[in-house]
Amino acid sequence: MARFASAQVGLTQAIDTVVDEANQSGQGADNAVTTTSFTATVAQLINGVIRLSGQAAINVTTPTAAQIVAAIFNCQVGSWFEFTLQNNNSGTATVVAGTGVTLAGTLTAPTTNKTQIYKGIVTNATLGSEAVKLVGLLVAGA
């Protein structure tokens, strides 16, 4: 797998990419959440795992795009993160967009012991106009 899109990457861009990857690999959290619908923290999203248990149907609202962009070191358009939502509830878990976040793909983790993987991509990193697209990629049995 190539780290850079083309062989003509400048030194600054190459260094920024490697630094971004190194900084993101140390972030994140493995969180057990047993409450009703809630807003996830940035730490729960960036390279994190959110485990849901003890409830029926639940909504998980993302942080705002501004909060997400602020948490990603050297954030720029194309910066990305992944998180996993493990649903051990008796009802469906649905991801809801925070301000500036758009959703695509599969946005629910089905009932009982199902895991949904999401990828977030920064589409605007400009202060005051931050935007993140969150895509549901895969649902699998836990």
N, C-alpha and C. Protein backbone atom coordinates (compact mmCIF):
# COMPACT_ATOMS: atom_id res chain seq x y z
N MET A 1 0.84 -1.16 0.00
CA MET A 1 0.00 0.00 0.00
C MET A 1 0.89 1.23 0.00
N ALA A 2 0.65 2.14 -0.92
CA ALA A 2 1.44 3.35 -1.03
C ALA A 2 1.00 4.37 0.01
N ARG A 3 1.96 5.02 0.62
CA ARG A 3 1.65 6.04 1.60
C ARG A 3 1.24 7.34 0.94
N PHE A 4 1.80 7.65 -0.23
CA PHE A 4 1.55 8.90 -0.92
C PHE A 4 0.86 8.64 -2.25
N ALA A 5 0.00 9.58 -2.65
CA ALA A 5 -0.78 9.41 -3.87
C ALA A 5 0.06 9.40 -5.12
N SER A 6 1.17 10.10 -5.14
CA SER A 6 2.02 10.11 -6.33
C SER A 6 3.47 10.16 -5.90
N ALA A 7 4.35 9.89 -6.85
CA ALA A 7 5.78 9.90 -6.57
C ALA A 7 6.31 11.34 -6.50
N GLN A 8 5.51 12.32 -6.86
CA GLN A 8 5.95 13.72 -6.91
C GLN A 8 5.52 14.49 -5.66
N VAL A 9 5.63 13.87 -4.52
CA VAL A 9 5.24 14.52 -3.28
C VAL A 9 6.42 15.33 -2.76
N GLY A 10 6.15 16.58 -2.36
CA GLY A 10 7.21 17.42 -1.81
C GLY A 10 7.60 16.96 -0.41
N LEU A 11 8.76 17.36 0.02
CA LEU A 11 9.28 16.97 1.31
C LEU A 11 8.37 17.42 2.44
N THR A 12 7.88 18.65 2.39
CA THR A 12 7.00 19.15 3.44
C THR A 12 5.73 18.33 3.54
N GLN A 13 5.12 18.01 2.40
CA GLN A 13 3.90 17.21 2.41
C GLN A 13 4.18 15.81 2.95
N ALA A 14 5.31 15.23 2.57
CA ALA A 14 5.66 13.89 3.05
C ALA A 14 5.85 13.89 4.57
N ILE A 15 6.54 14.90 5.07
CA ILE A 15 6.76 14.99 6.52
C ILE A 15 5.44 15.20 7.24
N ASP A 16 4.58 16.10 6.73
CA ASP A 16 3.28 16.33 7.35
C ASP A 16 2.46 15.05 7.42
N THR A 17 2.49 14.25 6.34
CA THR A 17 1.73 13.01 6.31
C THR A 17 2.23 12.03 7.35
N VAL A 18 3.53 11.86 7.45
CA VAL A 18 4.11 10.93 8.42
C VAL A 18 3.82 11.40 9.85
N VAL A 19 3.93 12.70 10.10
CA VAL A 19 3.64 13.24 11.44
C VAL A 19 2.18 13.03 11.79
N ASP A 20 1.28 13.29 10.83
CA ASP A 20 -0.16 13.07 11.08
C ASP A 20 -0.42 11.63 11.49
N GLU A 21 0.17 10.69 10.76
CA GLU A 21 -0.04 9.27 11.06
C GLU A 21 0.49 8.92 12.43
N ALA A 22 1.67 9.43 12.77
CA ALA A 22 2.27 9.14 14.07
C ALA A 22 1.43 9.70 15.20
N ASN A 23 0.94 10.93 15.03
CA ASN A 23 0.13 11.54 16.08
C ASN A 23 -1.21 10.85 16.24
N GLN A 24 -1.84 10.44 15.15
CA GLN A 24 -3.14 9.79 15.25
C GLN A 24 -3.03 8.40 15.85
N SER A 25 -1.91 7.71 15.65
CA SER A 25 -1.81 6.35 16.15
C SER A 25 -1.82 6.31 17.67
N GLY A 26 -1.46 7.41 18.32
CA GLY A 26 -1.46 7.43 19.77
C GLY A 26 -2.73 7.96 20.38
N GLN A 27 -3.66 8.41 19.58
CA GLN A 27 -4.88 8.98 20.10
C GLN A 27 -5.94 7.90 20.24
N GLY A 28 -7.05 8.31 20.83
CA GLY A 28 -8.18 7.41 20.85
C GLY A 28 -8.49 6.88 22.22
N ALA A 29 -9.54 6.16 22.27
CA ALA A 29 -10.00 5.64 23.54
C ALA A 29 -10.84 4.41 23.30
N ASP A 30 -10.84 3.55 24.26
CA ASP A 30 -11.69 2.36 24.23
C ASP A 30 -12.71 2.58 25.34
N ASN A 31 -13.94 2.86 24.94
CA ASN A 31 -14.93 3.32 25.91
C ASN A 31 -16.13 2.40 26.00
N ALA A 32 -16.50 2.04 27.20
CA ALA A 32 -17.74 1.33 27.42
C ALA A 32 -18.79 2.36 27.81
N VAL A 33 -19.86 2.44 27.06
CA VAL A 33 -20.90 3.42 27.32
C VAL A 33 -22.20 2.66 27.58
N THR A 34 -22.83 2.94 28.69
CA THR A 34 -24.06 2.22 29.02
C THR A 34 -25.23 3.17 29.22
N THR A 35 -25.12 4.39 28.69
CA THR A 35 -26.19 5.37 28.86
C THR A 35 -27.16 5.32 27.70
N THR A 36 -28.18 6.15 27.79
CA THR A 36 -29.09 6.31 26.66
C THR A 36 -28.40 7.20 25.64
N SER A 37 -29.14 7.67 24.65
CA SER A 37 -28.56 8.47 23.58
C SER A 37 -27.63 9.55 24.14
N PHE A 38 -26.51 9.79 23.46
CA PHE A 38 -25.49 10.71 23.95
C PHE A 38 -24.68 11.28 22.80
N THR A 39 -23.90 12.31 23.10
CA THR A 39 -22.96 12.87 22.13
C THR A 39 -21.58 12.32 22.45
N ALA A 40 -20.96 11.69 21.47
CA ALA A 40 -19.63 11.11 21.66
C ALA A 40 -18.59 12.23 21.79
N THR A 41 -17.50 11.93 22.45
CA THR A 41 -16.39 12.88 22.53
C THR A 41 -15.47 12.68 21.33
N VAL A 42 -14.63 13.65 21.09
CA VAL A 42 -13.65 13.52 20.01
C VAL A 42 -12.72 12.34 20.30
N ALA A 43 -12.32 12.18 21.56
CA ALA A 43 -11.43 11.07 21.92
C ALA A 43 -12.07 9.72 21.61
N GLN A 44 -13.39 9.63 21.76
CA GLN A 44 -14.08 8.38 21.46
C GLN A 44 -14.08 8.10 19.96
N LEU A 45 -14.06 9.15 19.16
CA LEU A 45 -14.11 8.96 17.71
C LEU A 45 -12.75 8.70 17.07
N ILE A 46 -11.77 9.50 17.40
CA ILE A 46 -10.50 9.41 16.68
C ILE A 46 -9.75 8.16 17.12
N ASN A 47 -9.67 7.21 16.22
CA ASN A 47 -9.03 5.91 16.47
C ASN A 47 -9.58 5.23 17.71
N GLY A 48 -10.87 5.38 17.94
CA GLY A 48 -11.45 4.83 19.16
C GLY A 48 -12.44 3.72 18.92
N VAL A 49 -12.89 3.18 20.01
CA VAL A 49 -13.92 2.15 20.02
C VAL A 49 -14.98 2.61 21.01
N ILE A 50 -16.22 2.58 20.59
CA ILE A 50 -17.33 2.89 21.48
C ILE A 50 -18.14 1.61 21.62
N ARG A 51 -18.24 1.11 22.85
CA ARG A 51 -19.01 -0.10 23.12
C ARG A 51 -20.30 0.29 23.82
N LEU A 52 -21.41 -0.14 23.27
CA LEU A 52 -22.72 0.18 23.83
C LEU A 52 -23.31 -1.08 24.45
N SER A 53 -23.83 -0.95 25.67
CA SER A 53 -24.47 -2.10 26.30
C SER A 53 -25.51 -1.64 27.30
N GLY A 54 -26.48 -2.50 27.53
CA GLY A 54 -27.46 -2.26 28.58
C GLY A 54 -28.67 -1.44 28.19
N GLN A 55 -28.84 -1.12 26.93
CA GLN A 55 -29.96 -0.28 26.53
C GLN A 55 -30.65 -0.87 25.30
N ALA A 56 -31.80 -0.32 25.01
CA ALA A 56 -32.50 -0.65 23.76
C ALA A 56 -31.92 0.25 22.67
N ALA A 57 -32.74 0.73 21.76
CA ALA A 57 -32.26 1.58 20.68
C ALA A 57 -31.59 2.84 21.25
N ILE A 58 -30.52 3.28 20.57
CA ILE A 58 -29.74 4.41 21.06
C ILE A 58 -29.22 5.24 19.88
N ASN A 59 -29.14 6.55 20.06
CA ASN A 59 -28.52 7.43 19.08
C ASN A 59 -27.19 7.90 19.63
N VAL A 60 -26.17 7.91 18.77
CA VAL A 60 -24.85 8.41 19.13
C VAL A 60 -24.59 9.61 18.22
N THR A 61 -24.59 10.80 18.78
CA THR A 61 -24.35 12.02 18.01
C THR A 61 -22.86 12.30 17.98
N THR A 62 -22.36 12.67 16.81
CA THR A 62 -20.94 12.98 16.68
C THR A 62 -20.65 14.35 17.29
N PRO A 63 -19.39 14.58 17.66
CA PRO A 63 -19.01 15.95 18.01
C PRO A 63 -19.16 16.84 16.77
N THR A 64 -19.02 18.13 16.92
CA THR A 64 -19.09 19.02 15.77
C THR A 64 -17.85 18.85 14.89
N ALA A 65 -17.98 19.26 13.64
CA ALA A 65 -16.82 19.22 12.74
C ALA A 65 -15.70 20.09 13.29
N ALA A 66 -16.04 21.24 13.87
CA ALA A 66 -15.01 22.13 14.43
C ALA A 66 -14.23 21.43 15.55
N GLN A 67 -14.92 20.67 16.40
CA GLN A 67 -14.25 19.95 17.48
C GLN A 67 -13.34 18.85 16.92
N ILE A 68 -13.82 18.16 15.90
CA ILE A 68 -13.03 17.08 15.29
C ILE A 68 -11.78 17.65 14.63
N VAL A 69 -11.94 18.70 13.83
CA VAL A 69 -10.80 19.31 13.13
C VAL A 69 -9.77 19.83 14.14
N ALA A 70 -10.23 20.45 15.22
CA ALA A 70 -9.33 20.97 16.23
C ALA A 70 -8.52 19.87 16.92
N ALA A 71 -9.05 18.67 16.98
CA ALA A 71 -8.38 17.57 17.67
C ALA A 71 -7.36 16.83 16.80
N ILE A 72 -7.40 17.05 15.50
CA ILE A 72 -6.48 16.36 14.60
C ILE A 72 -5.26 17.24 14.37
N PHE A 73 -4.11 16.77 14.79
CA PHE A 73 -2.87 17.54 14.64
C PHE A 73 -2.60 17.85 13.18
N ASN A 74 -2.27 19.10 12.89
CA ASN A 74 -1.93 19.54 11.53
C ASN A 74 -3.04 19.18 10.55
N CYS A 75 -4.27 19.35 10.97
CA CYS A 75 -5.42 18.95 10.17
C CYS A 75 -5.50 19.72 8.87
N GLN A 76 -5.84 19.02 7.82
CA GLN A 76 -6.03 19.61 6.50
C GLN A 76 -7.05 18.79 5.74
N VAL A 77 -7.53 19.32 4.63
CA VAL A 77 -8.49 18.59 3.81
C VAL A 77 -7.87 17.24 3.46
N GLY A 78 -8.63 16.18 3.66
CA GLY A 78 -8.15 14.83 3.38
C GLY A 78 -7.67 14.09 4.63
N SER A 79 -7.44 14.81 5.73
CA SER A 79 -7.09 14.12 6.97
C SER A 79 -8.26 13.22 7.35
N TRP A 80 -7.98 12.08 7.98
CA TRP A 80 -9.05 11.12 8.25
C TRP A 80 -8.82 10.41 9.58
N PHE A 81 -9.85 9.76 10.05
CA PHE A 81 -9.80 8.94 11.25
C PHE A 81 -10.82 7.82 11.10
N GLU A 82 -10.68 6.80 11.90
CA GLU A 82 -11.65 5.70 11.92
C GLU A 82 -12.07 5.43 13.36
N PHE A 83 -13.30 4.96 13.51
CA PHE A 83 -13.72 4.48 14.81
C PHE A 83 -14.69 3.32 14.63
N THR A 84 -14.84 2.56 15.68
CA THR A 84 -15.69 1.38 15.67
C THR A 84 -16.79 1.56 16.71
N LEU A 85 -17.99 1.23 16.32
CA LEU A 85 -19.14 1.26 17.22
C LEU A 85 -19.59 -0.18 17.41
N GLN A 86 -19.40 -0.70 18.61
CA GLN A 86 -19.80 -2.07 18.92
C GLN A 86 -21.12 -2.02 19.68
N ASN A 87 -22.15 -2.58 19.07
CA ASN A 87 -23.50 -2.52 19.65
C ASN A 87 -23.84 -3.84 20.34
N ASN A 88 -23.86 -3.81 21.66
CA ASN A 88 -24.27 -4.97 22.44
C ASN A 88 -25.64 -4.75 23.06
N ASN A 89 -26.36 -3.75 22.54
CA ASN A 89 -27.71 -3.44 23.02
C ASN A 89 -28.73 -4.39 22.43
N SER A 90 -29.94 -4.30 22.96
CA SER A 90 -31.04 -5.08 22.39
C SER A 90 -31.73 -4.34 21.26
N GLY A 91 -31.29 -3.10 20.98
CA GLY A 91 -31.86 -2.30 19.89
C GLY A 91 -30.77 -1.74 19.00
N THR A 92 -31.19 -1.12 17.92
CA THR A 92 -30.27 -0.57 16.93
C THR A 92 -29.56 0.67 17.47
N ALA A 93 -28.29 0.82 17.11
CA ALA A 93 -27.52 2.02 17.44
C ALA A 93 -27.37 2.84 16.15
N THR A 94 -27.76 4.10 16.20
CA THR A 94 -27.74 4.96 15.02
C THR A 94 -26.82 6.15 15.26
N VAL A 95 -25.95 6.43 14.28
CA VAL A 95 -25.08 7.60 14.36
C VAL A 95 -25.83 8.81 13.79
N VAL A 96 -25.77 9.92 14.53
CA VAL A 96 -26.44 11.17 14.16
C VAL A 96 -25.35 12.23 13.99
N ALA A 97 -25.49 13.07 12.96
CA ALA A 97 -24.47 14.07 12.65
C ALA A 97 -24.52 15.26 13.60
N GLY A 98 -23.34 15.63 14.12
CA GLY A 98 -23.19 16.89 14.82
C GLY A 98 -23.07 18.01 13.80
N THR A 99 -23.04 19.24 14.24
CA THR A 99 -22.95 20.40 13.35
C THR A 99 -21.70 20.31 12.47
N GLY A 100 -21.90 20.46 11.16
CA GLY A 100 -20.79 20.43 10.21
C GLY A 100 -20.37 19.05 9.77
N VAL A 101 -21.04 18.03 10.26
CA VAL A 101 -20.73 16.64 9.89
C VAL A 101 -21.82 16.14 8.95
N THR A 102 -21.42 15.55 7.83
CA THR A 102 -22.38 14.91 6.93
C THR A 102 -22.18 13.41 7.01
N LEU A 103 -23.25 12.67 6.76
CA LEU A 103 -23.23 11.21 6.90
C LEU A 103 -23.48 10.53 5.56
N ALA A 104 -22.85 9.39 5.37
CA ALA A 104 -23.06 8.58 4.17
C ALA A 104 -22.84 7.11 4.54
N GLY A 105 -23.34 6.23 3.70
CA GLY A 105 -23.15 4.80 3.93
C GLY A 105 -24.09 4.26 4.99
N THR A 106 -23.73 3.16 5.60
CA THR A 106 -24.53 2.51 6.64
C THR A 106 -24.31 3.23 7.95
N LEU A 107 -25.36 3.75 8.53
CA LEU A 107 -25.22 4.58 9.72
C LEU A 107 -25.79 3.94 10.97
N THR A 108 -26.20 2.69 10.88
CA THR A 108 -26.71 2.00 12.06
C THR A 108 -25.95 0.71 12.29
N ALA A 109 -25.74 0.41 13.56
CA ALA A 109 -25.20 -0.89 13.95
C ALA A 109 -26.40 -1.70 14.43
N PRO A 110 -26.71 -2.79 13.75
CA PRO A 110 -27.90 -3.57 14.09
C PRO A 110 -27.85 -4.11 15.52
N THR A 111 -28.95 -4.68 15.91
CA THR A 111 -29.17 -5.18 17.26
C THR A 111 -28.19 -6.28 17.65
N THR A 112 -27.76 -6.24 18.87
CA THR A 112 -27.05 -7.27 19.60
C THR A 112 -25.80 -7.81 18.93
N ASN A 113 -24.68 -7.45 19.49
CA ASN A 113 -23.36 -7.96 19.12
C ASN A 113 -22.98 -7.72 17.66
N LYS A 114 -23.27 -6.53 17.18
CA LYS A 114 -22.85 -6.15 15.83
C LYS A 114 -21.89 -4.97 15.93
N THR A 115 -20.95 -4.90 15.02
CA THR A 115 -19.94 -3.85 15.01
C THR A 115 -20.01 -3.10 13.69
N GLN A 116 -19.97 -1.78 13.77
CA GLN A 116 -19.99 -0.91 12.59
C GLN A 116 -18.69 -0.12 12.59
N ILE A 117 -18.00 -0.09 11.45
CA ILE A 117 -16.78 0.68 11.29
C ILE A 117 -17.10 1.94 10.49
N TYR A 118 -16.56 3.07 10.95
CA TYR A 118 -16.80 4.35 10.30
C TYR A 118 -15.46 5.01 9.95
N LYS A 119 -15.45 5.74 8.85
CA LYS A 119 -14.29 6.54 8.48
C LYS A 119 -14.74 7.98 8.34
N GLY A 120 -14.04 8.88 9.01
CA GLY A 120 -14.32 10.31 8.92
C GLY A 120 -13.24 10.97 8.09
N ILE A 121 -13.66 11.82 7.16
CA ILE A 121 -12.72 12.52 6.27
C ILE A 121 -12.99 14.02 6.38
N VAL A 122 -11.95 14.78 6.62
CA VAL A 122 -12.07 16.23 6.71
C VAL A 122 -12.23 16.78 5.30
N THR A 123 -13.32 17.50 5.05
CA THR A 123 -13.56 18.08 3.73
C THR A 123 -13.34 19.59 3.74
N ASN A 124 -13.26 20.20 4.93
CA ASN A 124 -12.92 21.62 5.03
C ASN A 124 -12.29 21.83 6.40
N ALA A 125 -11.05 22.30 6.42
CA ALA A 125 -10.34 22.52 7.68
C ALA A 125 -10.21 24.01 8.01
N THR A 126 -10.86 24.86 7.24
CA THR A 126 -10.80 26.31 7.46
C THR A 126 -11.54 26.68 8.74
N LEU A 127 -10.88 27.46 9.59
CA LEU A 127 -11.47 27.89 10.85
C LEU A 127 -12.80 28.59 10.59
N GLY A 128 -13.85 28.14 11.23
CA GLY A 128 -15.18 28.71 11.08
C GLY A 128 -16.02 28.04 10.00
N SER A 129 -15.38 27.22 9.15
CA SER A 129 -16.10 26.53 8.07
C SER A 129 -15.81 25.04 8.06
N GLU A 130 -15.38 24.50 9.18
CA GLU A 130 -14.97 23.10 9.25
C GLU A 130 -16.09 22.17 8.78
N ALA A 131 -15.67 21.11 8.08
CA ALA A 131 -16.63 20.10 7.62
C ALA A 131 -15.97 18.74 7.62
N VAL A 132 -16.74 17.74 8.03
CA VAL A 132 -16.27 16.35 8.08
C VAL A 132 -17.35 15.47 7.48
N LYS A 133 -16.93 14.54 6.63
CA LYS A 133 -17.86 13.55 6.09
C LYS A 133 -17.59 12.22 6.80
N LEU A 134 -18.63 11.64 7.36
CA LEU A 134 -18.51 10.38 8.09
C LEU A 134 -19.21 9.30 7.28
N VAL A 135 -18.46 8.25 6.95
CA VAL A 135 -18.97 7.18 6.11
C VAL A 135 -18.99 5.87 6.89
N GLY A 136 -20.17 5.23 6.94
CA GLY A 136 -20.29 3.91 7.53
C GLY A 136 -19.79 2.88 6.54
N LEU A 137 -18.75 2.13 6.90
CA LEU A 137 -18.08 1.25 5.94
C LEU A 137 -18.53 -0.21 6.02
N LEU A 138 -18.69 -0.75 7.21
CA LEU A 138 -18.85 -2.19 7.33
C LEU A 138 -19.61 -2.53 8.59
N VAL A 139 -20.51 -3.47 8.47
CA VAL A 139 -21.19 -4.03 9.65
C VAL A 139 -20.79 -5.49 9.73
N ALA A 140 -20.37 -5.90 10.91
CA ALA A 140 -19.94 -7.29 11.09
C ALA A 140 -20.42 -7.79 12.45
N GLY A 141 -20.52 -9.10 12.58
CA GLY A 141 -20.86 -9.70 13.87
C GLY A 141 -19.70 -9.58 14.80
N ALA A 142 -19.96 -9.34 16.07
CA ALA A 142 -18.89 -9.17 17.06
C ALA A 142 -18.39 -10.51 17.49
